[in-house]
C-alpha atoms as a PDB file:
ATOM      1  CA  MET A   1     154.288 182.241-107.752  1.00  0.00           C
ATOM      2  CA  ARG A   2     154.170 180.077-104.739  1.00  0.00           C
ATOM      3  CA  SER A   3     157.886 178.926-104.946  1.00  0.00           C
ATOM      4  CA  VAL A   4     158.742 182.204-103.943  1.00  0.00           C
ATOM      5  CA  ILE A   5     156.541 183.256-101.513  1.00  0.00           C
ATOM      6  CA  VAL A   6     158.187 182.661 -98.312  1.00  0.00           C
ATOM      7  CA  ASP A   7     155.240 184.072 -96.026  1.00  0.00           C
ATOM      8  CA  CYS A   8     151.876 185.934 -97.069  1.00  0.00           C
ATOM      9  CA  ALA A   9     149.935 187.860 -93.653  1.00  0.00           C
ATOM     10  CA  ILE A  10     147.438 190.570 -92.679  1.00  0.00           C
ATOM     11  CA  TYR A  11     148.594 191.800 -89.982  1.00  0.00           C
ATOM     12  CA  ARG A  12     145.904 194.142 -87.790  1.00  0.00           C
ATOM     13  CA  ASP A  13     146.017 195.988 -84.166  1.00  0.00           C
ATOM     14  CA  GLY A  14     149.854 194.833 -83.978  1.00  0.00           C
ATOM     15  CA  ALA A  15     148.815 191.293 -84.226  1.00  0.00           C
ATOM     16  CA  ARG A  16     148.794 188.267 -86.902  1.00  0.00           C
ATOM     17  CA  THR A  17     145.558 187.495 -88.855  1.00  0.00           C
ATOM     18  CA  GLU A  18     143.740 184.328 -91.513  1.00  0.00           C
ATOM     19  CA  GLY A  19     143.738 186.037 -94.528  1.00  0.00           C
ATOM     20  CA  PRO A  20     142.638 185.086 -97.992  1.00  0.00           C
ATOM     21  CA  ALA A  21     145.078 182.192 -99.885  1.00  0.00           C
ATOM     22  CA  ASP A  22     145.398 184.841-103.122  1.00  0.00           C
ATOM     23  CA  PHE A  23     147.909 187.713-102.083  1.00  0.00           C
ATOM     24  CA  SER A  24     145.239 190.220-104.084  1.00  0.00           C
ATOM     25  CA  ASP A  25     143.019 189.538-102.009  1.00  0.00           C
ATOM     26  CA  ALA A  26     144.606 189.596 -99.118  1.00  0.00           C
ATOM     27  CA  LEU A  27     145.515 193.444-100.320  1.00  0.00           C
ATOM     28  CA  ASP A  28     142.150 194.322-100.505  1.00  0.00           C
ATOM     29  CA  GLU A  29     141.145 192.727 -97.397  1.00  0.00           C
ATOM     30  CA  ALA A  30     143.488 195.055 -95.477  1.00  0.00           C
ATOM     31  CA  ARG A  31     142.755 198.319 -97.573  1.00  0.00           C
ATOM     32  CA  ALA A  32     139.453 197.995 -96.774  1.00  0.00           C
ATOM     33  CA  SER A  33     139.690 197.481 -92.718  1.00  0.00           C
ATOM     34  CA  GLY A  34     141.648 200.617 -93.055  1.00  0.00           C
ATOM     35  CA  ASP A  35     143.177 199.487 -89.854  1.00  0.00           C
ATOM     36  CA  ALA A  36     145.562 196.332 -91.295  1.00  0.00           C
ATOM     37  CA  PHE A  37     148.647 195.923 -93.412  1.00  0.00           C
ATOM     38  CA  LEU A  38     149.775 192.988 -95.851  1.00  0.00           C
ATOM     39  CA  TRP A  39     153.425 191.671 -95.813  1.00  0.00           C
ATOM     40  CA  ILE A  40     154.799 188.996 -98.387  1.00  0.00           C
ATOM     41  CA  GLY A  41     157.978 188.087 -98.361  1.00  0.00           C
ATOM     42  CA  LEU A  42     159.836 186.556-101.668  1.00  0.00           C
ATOM     43  CA  HIS A  43     162.703 185.110-102.706  1.00  0.00           C
ATOM     44  CA  GLU A  44     164.701 185.359-105.722  1.00  0.00           C
ATOM     45  CA  PRO A  45     161.592 185.772-107.957  1.00  0.00           C
ATOM     46  CA  THR A  46     162.282 186.175-111.782  1.00  0.00           C
ATOM     47  CA  GLU A  47     160.892 189.051-113.858  1.00  0.00           C
ATOM     48  CA  LYS A  48     157.571 186.932-114.968  1.00  0.00           C
ATOM     49  CA  GLU A  49     157.271 186.439-111.615  1.00  0.00           C
ATOM     50  CA  PHE A  50     157.169 189.437-109.866  1.00  0.00           C
ATOM     51  CA  GLU A  51     154.943 191.431-112.060  1.00  0.00           C
ATOM     52  CA  LEU A  52     152.447 190.396-110.574  1.00  0.00           C
ATOM     53  CA  VAL A  53     153.038 191.702-107.163  1.00  0.00           C
ATOM     54  CA  THR A  54     154.514 194.874-109.319  1.00  0.00           C
ATOM     55  CA  SER A  55     151.307 194.985-111.011  1.00  0.00           C
ATOM     56  CA  GLU A  56     148.614 194.318-107.893  1.00  0.00           C
ATOM     57  CA  PHE A  57     150.841 196.590-105.206  1.00  0.00           C
ATOM     58  CA  GLY A  58     151.316 199.478-108.141  1.00  0.00           C
ATOM     59  CA  LEU A  59     155.450 199.137-107.346  1.00  0.00           C
ATOM     60  CA  HIS A  60     157.488 201.815-109.806  1.00  0.00           C
ATOM     61  CA  PRO A  61     159.544 200.398-112.770  1.00  0.00           C
ATOM     62  CA  LEU A  62     162.989 201.817-112.103  1.00  0.00           C
ATOM     63  CA  ALA A  63     162.163 200.111-108.252  1.00  0.00           C
ATOM     64  CA  VAL A  64     161.293 196.880-109.632  1.00  0.00           C
ATOM     65  CA  GLU A  65     164.650 196.662-111.939  1.00  0.00           C
ATOM     66  CA  ASP A  66     166.602 196.802-108.610  1.00  0.00           C
ATOM     67  CA  ALA A  67     164.785 194.523-107.017  1.00  0.00           C
ATOM     68  CA  LEU A  68     165.534 192.373-109.972  1.00  0.00           C
ATOM     69  CA  CYS A  69     168.859 192.873-110.887  1.00  0.00           C
ATOM     70  CA  ALA A  70     169.876 192.365-107.224  1.00  0.00           C
ATOM     71  CA  HIS A  71     173.642 194.271-107.305  1.00  0.00           C
ATOM     72  CA  GLN A  72     172.042 196.858-105.281  1.00  0.00           C
ATOM     73  CA  ARG A  73     174.314 199.549-102.830  1.00  0.00           C
ATOM     74  CA  PRO A  74     172.706 200.628 -99.847  1.00  0.00           C
ATOM     75  CA  LYS A  75     169.780 203.262-100.572  1.00  0.00           C
ATOM     76  CA  LEU A  76     166.682 204.645 -99.953  1.00  0.00           C
ATOM     77  CA  GLU A  77     164.185 205.647-102.571  1.00  0.00           C
ATOM     78  CA  VAL A  78     160.720 207.833-102.096  1.00  0.00           C
ATOM     79  CA  TYR A  79     158.527 207.570-104.789  1.00  0.00           C
ATOM     80  CA  ASP A  80     154.790 208.309-105.022  1.00  0.00           C
ATOM     81  CA  ASP A  81     153.389 205.453-104.104  1.00  0.00           C
ATOM     82  CA  SER A  82     155.988 203.482-101.784  1.00  0.00           C
ATOM     83  CA  LEU A  83     159.058 203.397-100.320  1.00  0.00           C
ATOM     84  CA  PHE A  84     161.880 201.476-101.637  1.00  0.00           C
ATOM     85  CA  LEU A  85     165.098 200.661 -99.104  1.00  0.00           C
ATOM     86  CA  VAL A  86     167.939 198.279-100.327  1.00  0.00           C
ATOM     87  CA  LEU A  87     169.558 196.619 -96.850  1.00  0.00           C
ATOM     88  CA  LYS A  88     172.725 194.724 -97.523  1.00  0.00           C
ATOM     89  CA  PRO A  89     173.152 191.467 -94.547  1.00  0.00           C
ATOM     90  CA  VAL A  90     176.346 190.324 -94.481  1.00  0.00           C
ATOM     91  CA  GLN A  91     177.532 186.348 -93.024  1.00  0.00           C
ATOM     92  CA  TYR A  92     181.436 186.184 -92.367  1.00  0.00           C
ATOM     93  CA  ASP A  93     182.137 182.397 -92.317  1.00  0.00           C
ATOM     94  CA  ASP A  94     185.087 181.606 -89.509  1.00  0.00           C
ATOM     95  CA  LYS A  95     186.705 179.108 -90.902  1.00  0.00           C
ATOM     96  CA  ALA A  96     187.032 180.413 -94.647  1.00  0.00           C
ATOM     97  CA  GLY A  97     187.337 183.850 -93.599  1.00  0.00           C
ATOM     98  CA  THR A  98     185.102 185.378 -96.089  1.00  0.00           C
ATOM     99  CA  VAL A  99     182.270 187.706 -95.585  1.00  0.00           C
ATOM    100  CA  THR A 100     179.268 187.272 -97.949  1.00  0.00           C
ATOM    101  CA  ALA A 101     176.717 189.916 -99.104  1.00  0.00           C
ATOM    102  CA  GLY A 102     172.952 189.628 -99.644  1.00  0.00           C
ATOM    103  CA  GLU A 103     170.440 191.695-100.680  1.00  0.00           C
ATOM    104  CA  LEU A 104     166.990 192.539 -99.159  1.00  0.00           C
ATOM    105  CA  MET A 105     164.920 195.172-100.652  1.00  0.00           C
ATOM    106  CA  VAL A 106     161.588 196.164 -98.318  1.00  0.00           C
ATOM    107  CA  PHE A 107     158.818 197.781-100.770  1.00  0.00           C
ATOM    108  CA  VAL A 108     157.125 200.086 -98.264  1.00  0.00           C
ATOM    109  CA  GLY A 109     153.321 201.943 -99.243  1.00  0.00           C
ATOM    110  CA  ASP A 110     149.687 202.226 -98.545  1.00  0.00           C
ATOM    111  CA  SER A 111     148.930 199.176 -96.133  1.00  0.00           C
ATOM    112  CA  PHE A 112     151.422 196.766 -97.824  1.00  0.00           C
ATOM    113  CA  VAL A 113     155.439 195.792 -97.289  1.00  0.00           C
ATOM    114  CA  VAL A 114     156.996 193.772 -99.593  1.00  0.00           C
ATOM    115  CA  THR A 115     160.043 192.143 -98.894  1.00  0.00           C
ATOM    116  CA  VAL A 116     162.761 190.699-101.475  1.00  0.00           C
ATOM    117  CA  ARG A 117     165.733 188.621-100.539  1.00  0.00           C
ATOM    118  CA  HIS A 118     168.936 187.353-102.564  1.00  0.00           C
ATOM    119  CA  GLY A 119     171.446 185.770-101.516  1.00  0.00           C
ATOM    120  CA  GLU A 120     171.425 183.091 -97.755  1.00  0.00           C
ATOM    121  CA  ALA A 121     171.561 186.136 -95.520  1.00  0.00           C
ATOM    122  CA  ASN A 122     168.468 185.533 -94.370  1.00  0.00           C
ATOM    123  CA  PRO A 123     166.968 187.952 -91.433  1.00  0.00           C
ATOM    124  CA  LEU A 124     163.308 188.092 -92.482  1.00  0.00           C
ATOM    125  CA  GLY A 125     161.978 184.077 -90.065  1.00  0.00           C
ATOM    126  CA  SER A 126     163.777 185.657 -87.349  1.00  0.00           C
ATOM    127  CA  VAL A 127     162.423 188.916 -87.679  1.00  0.00           C
ATOM    128  CA  ARG A 128     158.632 187.710 -88.572  1.00  0.00           C
ATOM    129  CA  ASP A 129     158.801 185.982 -85.178  1.00  0.00           C
ATOM    130  CA  ARG A 130     160.005 188.395 -82.823  1.00  0.00           C
ATOM    131  CA  LEU A 131     157.589 191.562 -84.357  1.00  0.00           C
ATOM    132  CA  GLU A 132     155.108 189.014 -83.435  1.00  0.00           C
ATOM    133  CA  LYS A 133     155.784 189.117 -79.618  1.00  0.00           C
ATOM    134  CA  MET A 134     155.693 193.192 -80.545  1.00  0.00           C
ATOM    135  CA  PRO A 135     151.968 193.961 -81.156  1.00  0.00           C
ATOM    136  CA  GLU A 136     153.384 197.685 -79.390  1.00  0.00           C
ATOM    137  CA  VAL A 137     155.164 198.121 -82.907  1.00  0.00           C
ATOM    138  CA  LEU A 138     153.415 196.150 -85.249  1.00  0.00           C
ATOM    139  CA  GLN A 139     150.983 198.897 -84.655  1.00  0.00           C
ATOM    140  CA  HIS A 140     152.513 201.566 -86.152  1.00  0.00           C
ATOM    141  CA  GLY A 141     152.068 199.624 -89.435  1.00  0.00           C
ATOM    142  CA  PRO A 142     154.220 198.756 -92.360  1.00  0.00           C
ATOM    143  CA  THR A 143     157.449 200.547 -91.073  1.00  0.00           C
ATOM    144  CA  ALA A 144     157.127 198.698 -88.478  1.00  0.00           C
ATOM    145  CA  VAL A 145     158.860 196.216 -90.838  1.00  0.00           C
ATOM    146  CA  MET A 146     160.710 198.493 -92.287  1.00  0.00           C
ATOM    147  CA  TYR A 147     163.229 199.457 -88.564  1.00  0.00           C
ATOM    148  CA  ALA A 148     162.804 195.611 -87.730  1.00  0.00           C
ATOM    149  CA  VAL A 149     164.423 194.215 -91.118  1.00  0.00           C
ATOM    150  CA  SER A 150     167.210 197.533 -90.324  1.00  0.00           C
ATOM    151  CA  ASP A 151     167.043 196.945 -86.523  1.00  0.00           C
ATOM    152  CA  ALA A 152     168.312 192.970 -87.613  1.00  0.00           C
ATOM    153  CA  VAL A 153     170.251 193.220 -90.363  1.00  0.00           C
ATOM    154  CA  VAL A 154     172.295 196.034 -88.173  1.00  0.00           C
ATOM    155  CA  ASP A 155     172.299 194.537 -85.428  1.00  0.00           C
ATOM    156  CA  HIS A 156     173.614 191.637 -87.294  1.00  0.00           C
ATOM    157  CA  TYR A 157     176.817 194.033 -88.667  1.00  0.00           C
ATOM    158  CA  LEU A 158     177.718 194.734 -84.815  1.00  0.00           C
ATOM    159  CA  ASP A 159     177.850 190.459 -84.481  1.00  0.00           C
ATOM    160  CA  VAL A 160     180.213 190.138 -87.879  1.00  0.00           C
ATOM    161  CA  ALA A 161     182.173 193.165 -86.741  1.00  0.00           C
ATOM    162  CA  ASP A 162     182.486 191.545 -83.093  1.00  0.00           C
ATOM    163  CA  ASP A 163     184.179 188.139 -84.643  1.00  0.00           C
ATOM    164  CA  LEU A 164     185.938 189.929 -87.791  1.00  0.00           C
ATOM    165  CA  HIS A 165     187.872 191.673 -84.883  1.00  0.00           C
ATOM    166  CA  GLY A 166     188.859 188.552 -82.735  1.00  0.00           C
ATOM    167  CA  ASP A 167     190.360 186.963 -86.168  1.00  0.00           C
ATOM    168  CA  LEU A 168     192.155 190.070 -86.813  1.00  0.00           C
ATOM    169  CA  GLU A 169     193.501 189.256 -82.409  1.00  0.00           C
ATOM    170  CA  GLU A 170     194.603 186.571 -83.467  1.00  0.00           C
ATOM    171  CA  LEU A 171     196.244 187.650 -87.675  1.00  0.00           C
ATOM    172  CA  GLU A 172     198.226 190.117 -85.163  1.00  0.00           C
ATOM    173  CA  THR A 173     199.638 187.784 -82.649  1.00  0.00           C
ATOM    174  CA  GLU A 174     201.048 185.764 -85.578  1.00  0.00           C
ATOM    175  CA  VAL A 175     202.506 188.221 -87.570  1.00  0.00           C
ATOM    176  CA  PHE A 176     204.473 189.559 -84.527  1.00  0.00           C
ATOM    177  CA  ALA A 177     204.893 186.146 -82.777  1.00  0.00           C
ATOM    178  CA  PRO A 178     209.311 185.179 -82.984  1.00  0.00           C
ATOM    179  CA  ASN A 179     209.658 183.123 -85.832  1.00  0.00           C
ATOM    180  CA  ALA A 180     206.195 184.900 -87.765  1.00  0.00           C
ATOM    181  CA  GLY A 181     207.055 184.795 -91.512  1.00  0.00           C
ATOM    182  CA  ALA A 182     208.321 181.526 -91.432  1.00  0.00           C
ATOM    183  CA  GLY A 183     207.057 179.378 -95.136  1.00  0.00           C
ATOM    184  CA  GLN A 184     204.023 181.800 -94.681  1.00  0.00           C
ATOM    185  CA  ASN A 185     202.398 184.559 -97.017  1.00  0.00           C
ATOM    186  CA  THR A 186     201.819 186.703 -94.554  1.00  0.00           C
ATOM    187  CA  ALA A 187     201.667 189.327 -96.245  1.00  0.00           C
ATOM    188  CA  GLY A 188     198.989 187.817 -98.708  1.00  0.00           C
ATOM    189  CA  ARG A 189     196.773 186.855 -95.983  1.00  0.00           C
ATOM    190  CA  ILE A 190     196.449 190.743 -94.535  1.00  0.00           C
ATOM    191  CA  TYR A 191     195.315 191.465 -97.615  1.00  0.00           C
ATOM    192  CA  ALA A 192     192.633 189.115 -97.850  1.00  0.00           C
ATOM    193  CA  PHE A 193     191.393 189.752 -94.547  1.00  0.00           C
ATOM    194  CA  LYS A 194     191.690 193.329 -95.660  1.00  0.00           C
ATOM    195  CA  ARG A 195     189.400 192.939 -98.534  1.00  0.00           C
ATOM    196  CA  GLU A 196     186.956 191.338 -96.494  1.00  0.00           C
ATOM    197  CA  VAL A 197     186.974 194.103 -93.481  1.00  0.00           C
ATOM    198  CA  MET A 198     185.876 196.165 -97.548  1.00  0.00           C
ATOM    199  CA  GLU A 199     183.153 194.091 -98.658  1.00  0.00           C
ATOM    200  CA  PHE A 200     181.871 194.287 -95.337  1.00  0.00           C
ATOM    201  CA  ARG A 201     182.426 198.307 -94.961  1.00  0.00           C
ATOM    202  CA  ARG A 202     180.691 198.107 -99.226  1.00  0.00           C
ATOM    203  CA  SER A 203     177.202 196.867 -96.927  1.00  0.00           C
ATOM    204  CA  ALA A 204     177.232 198.724 -94.223  1.00  0.00           C
ATOM    205  CA  GLY A 205     178.747 202.236 -94.901  1.00  0.00           C
ATOM    206  CA  PRO A 206     176.076 203.744 -97.297  1.00  0.00           C
ATOM    207  CA  LEU A 207     173.208 202.399 -95.022  1.00  0.00           C
ATOM    208  CA  GLU A 208     173.973 205.574 -92.860  1.00  0.00           C
ATOM    209  CA  GLU A 209     171.994 207.852 -95.365  1.00  0.00           C
ATOM    210  CA  PRO A 210     169.362 205.934 -95.819  1.00  0.00           C
ATOM    211  CA  MET A 211     169.340 205.614 -91.642  1.00  0.00           C
ATOM    212  CA  GLU A 212     169.519 209.427 -91.389  1.00  0.00           C
ATOM    213  CA  ARG A 213     166.531 210.436 -93.542  1.00  0.00           C
ATOM    214  CA  LEU A 214     164.505 207.788 -92.048  1.00  0.00           C
ATOM    215  CA  THR A 215     165.353 209.503 -88.506  1.00  0.00           C
ATOM    216  CA  GLY A 216     164.258 213.319 -89.731  1.00  0.00           C
ATOM    217  CA  ALA A 217     160.242 214.370 -90.933  1.00  0.00           C
ATOM    218  CA  GLY A 218     159.261 214.423 -94.203  1.00  0.00           C
ATOM    219  CA  VAL A 219     159.662 211.037 -95.336  1.00  0.00           C
ATOM    220  CA  PRO A 220     155.989 209.632 -96.789  1.00  0.00           C
ATOM    221  CA  PHE A 221     155.120 206.360 -95.854  1.00  0.00           C
ATOM    222  CA  VAL A 222     156.724 206.145 -92.065  1.00  0.00           C
ATOM    223  CA  HIS A 223     155.232 205.762 -88.826  1.00  0.00           C
ATOM    224  CA  GLU A 224     155.464 209.434 -86.700  1.00  0.00           C
ATOM    225  CA  GLY A 225     156.211 206.861 -83.797  1.00  0.00           C
ATOM    226  CA  SER A 226     158.714 204.747 -85.615  1.00  0.00           C
ATOM    227  CA  ARG A 227     160.751 207.520 -86.183  1.00  0.00           C
ATOM    228  CA  PRO A 228     162.881 207.294 -82.766  1.00  0.00           C
ATOM    229  CA  PHE A 229     163.208 203.292 -83.251  1.00  0.00           C
ATOM    230  CA  PHE A 230     165.119 204.136 -86.642  1.00  0.00           C
ATOM    231  CA  ARG A 231     167.297 206.531 -84.356  1.00  0.00           C
ATOM    232  CA  ASP A 232     168.708 203.967 -82.351  1.00  0.00           C
ATOM    233  CA  VAL A 233     168.745 201.536 -85.663  1.00  0.00           C
ATOM    234  CA  SER A 234     170.943 204.784 -86.919  1.00  0.00           C
ATOM    235  CA  ASP A 235     172.834 204.916 -83.419  1.00  0.00           C
ATOM    236  CA  HIS A 236     174.033 201.156 -84.505  1.00  0.00           C
ATOM    237  CA  LEU A 237     175.076 201.551 -87.347  1.00  0.00           C
ATOM    238  CA  THR A 238     177.576 204.800 -86.733  1.00  0.00           C
ATOM    239  CA  ARG A 239     178.829 202.416 -83.870  1.00  0.00           C
ATOM    240  CA  VAL A 240     179.244 199.313 -86.503  1.00  0.00           C
ATOM    241  CA  ASN A 241     181.171 201.817 -89.355  1.00  0.00           C
ATOM    242  CA  GLU A 242     183.751 203.170 -86.930  1.00  0.00           C
ATOM    243  CA  HIS A 243     184.745 199.472 -86.336  1.00  0.00           C
ATOM    244  CA  VAL A 244     185.208 198.748 -89.541  1.00  0.00           C
ATOM    245  CA  GLU A 245     187.228 201.967 -89.898  1.00  0.00           C
ATOM    246  CA  GLY A 246     188.592 201.179 -86.950  1.00  0.00           C
ATOM    247  CA  LEU A 247     189.719 197.587 -88.630  1.00  0.00           C
ATOM    248  CA  ASP A 248     191.136 199.210 -91.714  1.00  0.00           C
ATOM    249  CA  ARG A 249     193.352 201.218 -90.037  1.00  0.00           C
ATOM    250  CA  LEU A 250     194.698 198.717 -87.832  1.00  0.00           C
ATOM    251  CA  LEU A 251     195.309 195.944 -90.939  1.00  0.00           C
ATOM    252  CA  SER A 252     196.825 198.926 -92.518  1.00  0.00           C
ATOM    253  CA  ASP A 253     199.007 199.554 -89.320  1.00  0.00           C
ATOM    254  CA  ILE A 254     199.429 195.427 -88.980  1.00  0.00           C
ATOM    255  CA  LEU A 255     200.597 195.414 -92.818  1.00  0.00           C
ATOM    256  CA  SER A 256     203.347 198.543 -92.484  1.00  0.00           C
ATOM    257  CA  ALA A 257     204.601 196.320 -89.449  1.00  0.00           C
ATOM    258  CA  HIS A 258     204.926 193.251 -90.990  1.00  0.00           C
ATOM    259  CA  LEU A 259     206.907 194.804 -94.416  1.00  0.00           C
ATOM    260  CA  ALA A 260     209.347 196.506 -91.992  1.00  0.00           C
ATOM    261  CA  GLN A 261     210.041 193.337 -90.179  1.00  0.00           C
ATOM    262  CA  MET A 262     210.610 191.840 -93.397  1.00  0.00           C
ATOM    263  CA  GLY A 263     213.243 194.223 -94.549  1.00  0.00           C
ATOM    264  CA  VAL A 264     214.769 193.933 -91.021  1.00  0.00           C
ATOM    265  CA  ARG A 265     214.831 190.258 -91.085  1.00  0.00           C
ATOM    266  CA  GLN A 266     216.018 190.696 -95.034  1.00  0.00           C
ATOM    267  CA  ASN A 267     218.863 192.644 -93.545  1.00  0.00           C
ATOM    268  CA  ASP A 268     220.198 190.211 -90.596  1.00  0.00           C
ATOM    269  CA  ASP A 269     219.967 187.948 -93.082  1.00  0.00           C
ATOM    270  CA  MET A 270     222.612 189.777 -95.330  1.00  0.00           C
ATOM    271  CA  ARG A 271     225.038 190.952 -92.804  1.00  0.00           C
ATOM    272  CA  LYS A 272     224.747 186.854 -92.078  1.00  0.00           C
ATOM    273  CA  ILE A 273     225.469 185.843 -95.528  1.00  0.00           C
ATOM    274  CA  SER A 274     228.281 188.833 -95.781  1.00  0.00           C
ATOM    275  CA  ALA A 275     229.919 187.626 -92.358  1.00  0.00           C
ATOM    276  CA  TRP A 276     230.046 183.898 -93.893  1.00  0.00           C
ATOM    277  CA  ALA A 277     231.150 185.139 -97.011  1.00  0.00           C
ATOM    278  CA  ALA A 278     233.697 187.065 -95.289  1.00  0.00           C
ATOM    279  CA  MET A 279     235.508 184.120 -93.465  1.00  0.00           C
ATOM    280  CA  ALA A 280     235.510 182.080 -96.281  1.00  0.00           C
ATOM    281  CA  ALA A 281     237.558 184.481 -98.714  1.00  0.00           C
ATOM    282  CA  VAL A 282     240.529 184.139 -96.039  1.00  0.00           C
ATOM    283  CA  PRO A 283     241.344 180.369 -96.613  1.00  0.00           C
ATOM    284  CA  THR A 284     240.108 180.844-100.238  1.00  0.00           C
ATOM    285  CA  MET A 285     242.775 184.153-100.489  1.00  0.00           C
ATOM    286  CA  ILE A 286     245.862 182.305 -98.853  1.00  0.00           C
ATOM    287  CA  ALA A 287     244.717 178.646-100.315  1.00  0.00           C
ATOM    288  CA  GLY A 288     244.603 180.779-104.068  1.00  0.00           C
ATOM    289  CA  ILE A 289     248.635 182.011-102.922  1.00  0.00           C
ATOM    290  CA  TYR A 290     249.746 178.725-102.458  1.00  0.00           C
ATOM    291  CA  GLY A 291     247.704 177.221-105.028  1.00  0.00           C
ATOM    292  CA  MET A 292     250.039 179.592-107.881  1.00  0.00           C
ATOM    293  CA  ASN A 293     252.860 177.048-107.894  1.00  0.00           C
ATOM    294  CA  PHE A 294     255.723 179.398-107.112  1.00  0.00           C
ATOM    295  CA  THR A 295     259.455 177.586-107.095  1.00  0.00           C
ATOM    296  CA  HIS A 296     260.997 180.339-104.665  1.00  0.00           C
ATOM    297  CA  MET A 297     258.468 180.561-101.429  1.00  0.00           C
ATOM    298  CA  PRO A 298     260.180 180.971 -98.105  1.00  0.00           C
ATOM    299  CA  GLU A 299     257.654 178.674 -96.505  1.00  0.00           C
ATOM    300  CA  LEU A 300     257.325 176.083 -98.611  1.00  0.00           C
ATOM    301  CA  LYS A 301     260.538 173.667 -97.850  1.00  0.00           C
ATOM    302  CA  GLN A 302     259.877 174.506 -93.787  1.00  0.00           C
ATOM    303  CA  PRO A 303     258.552 171.988 -92.213  1.00  0.00           C
ATOM    304  CA  TRP A 304     256.451 174.070 -90.519  1.00  0.00           C
ATOM    305  CA  GLY A 305     255.336 175.695 -93.246  1.00  0.00           C
ATOM    306  CA  TYR A 306     251.944 173.609 -94.343  1.00  0.00           C
ATOM    307  CA  PRO A 307     250.530 173.506 -90.356  1.00  0.00           C
ATOM    308  CA  GLY A 308     251.543 177.415 -90.298  1.00  0.00           C
ATOM    309  CA  VAL A 309     249.339 178.320 -92.989  1.00  0.00           C
ATOM    310  CA  VAL A 310     246.363 176.244 -91.621  1.00  0.00           C
ATOM    311  CA  ALA A 311     246.722 177.675 -87.990  1.00  0.00           C
ATOM    312  CA  LEU A 312     246.747 181.499 -89.857  1.00  0.00           C
ATOM    313  CA  MET A 313     243.682 180.653 -91.396  1.00  0.00           C
ATOM    314  CA  ALA A 314     242.215 179.410 -88.661  1.00  0.00           C
ATOM    315  CA  GLY A 315     242.993 181.928 -86.404  1.00  0.00           C
ATOM    316  CA  VAL A 316     242.051 185.082 -88.818  1.00  0.00           C
ATOM    317  CA  ILE A 317     238.652 183.194 -88.916  1.00  0.00           C
ATOM    318  CA  ALA A 318     238.391 182.662 -85.400  1.00  0.00           C
ATOM    319  CA  LEU A 319     239.340 186.639 -85.193  1.00  0.00           C
ATOM    320  CA  LEU A 320     236.181 187.421 -87.973  1.00  0.00           C
ATOM    321  CA  TYR A 321     234.281 185.489 -85.679  1.00  0.00           C
ATOM    322  CA  ARG A 322     234.789 187.238 -82.982  1.00  0.00           C
ATOM    323  CA  TRP A 323     234.228 190.589 -84.245  1.00  0.00           C
ATOM    324  CA  PHE A 324     231.533 189.709 -86.302  1.00  0.00           C
ATOM    325  CA  LYS A 325     229.285 188.221 -83.235  1.00  0.00           C
ATOM    326  CA  ARG A 326     230.683 191.308 -80.910  1.00  0.00           C
ATOM    327  CA  ARG A 327     228.337 193.796 -83.723  1.00  0.00           C
ATOM    328  CA  GLY A 328     225.772 191.497 -83.762  1.00  0.00           C
ATOM    329  CA  TRP A 329     226.093 189.725 -87.541  1.00  0.00           C
ATOM    330  CA  LEU A 330     225.845 186.148 -86.525  1.00  0.00           C
END
């Protein structure tokens, strides 16, 4: 268990206190005092490693199964002995242009908080440090940890949304540049960017309903004084989801504009090809006539015949070139 336990501490009156090294004894001590709670953090525990935590804290087997599988959508489940909240923190790799989602489960019950983290995204270290400097928030008990974790995840959503918007502006500039599309898979890049936005949307969108529930009454194990804090998180999450929807719509518009640009460019290319083919057809036709080798062709025996035909070819080509140029085909 020591390999998966990231941190284990008792919090009393808004301050971290020293407690037993064994989390079972620490939980008994927190419950005995009545004004304390235990916060234990785990990182990617196996089923066997999580069995002891399950039995000691009385966690619901369905919630335990979700916490171990780590392929859940954001949600809030209410059980008899605990609350179970699933969050999906995200990371954005600016160089690779990829959004990676982890998973963070929070169990809240009688005098305890258990956090289970999967993936590389880790907001919990900064959450502990920040909470331990805010004793007035920690006095709300285990709910304070749930709020702080949710707030850290949603605040990072805002940062990721801003980074995505910045990269989208760069992509938009490239799409509408005069030489855009030359040797570039622009449509593929737009689709790839849209997939990353969709990954972000799958993490942030479903979290709106759990945050709304936590702002209202009737949810057990939620301290009355923490509801305004959850309302603040819900407001930030609404901003994130509106931002993500705007990114998705803008990407669709950029893709449509790019495809329209490609159609216009193809039409321009076809007109240029048609114009050059028309100009090439004139000397080909004239040369083909003289290539038939008829005996009685009036200009064959004239001294001006050859230069006259060449001049005719050049004159017709010049007239066609001027006409196509004036119509914008060349």
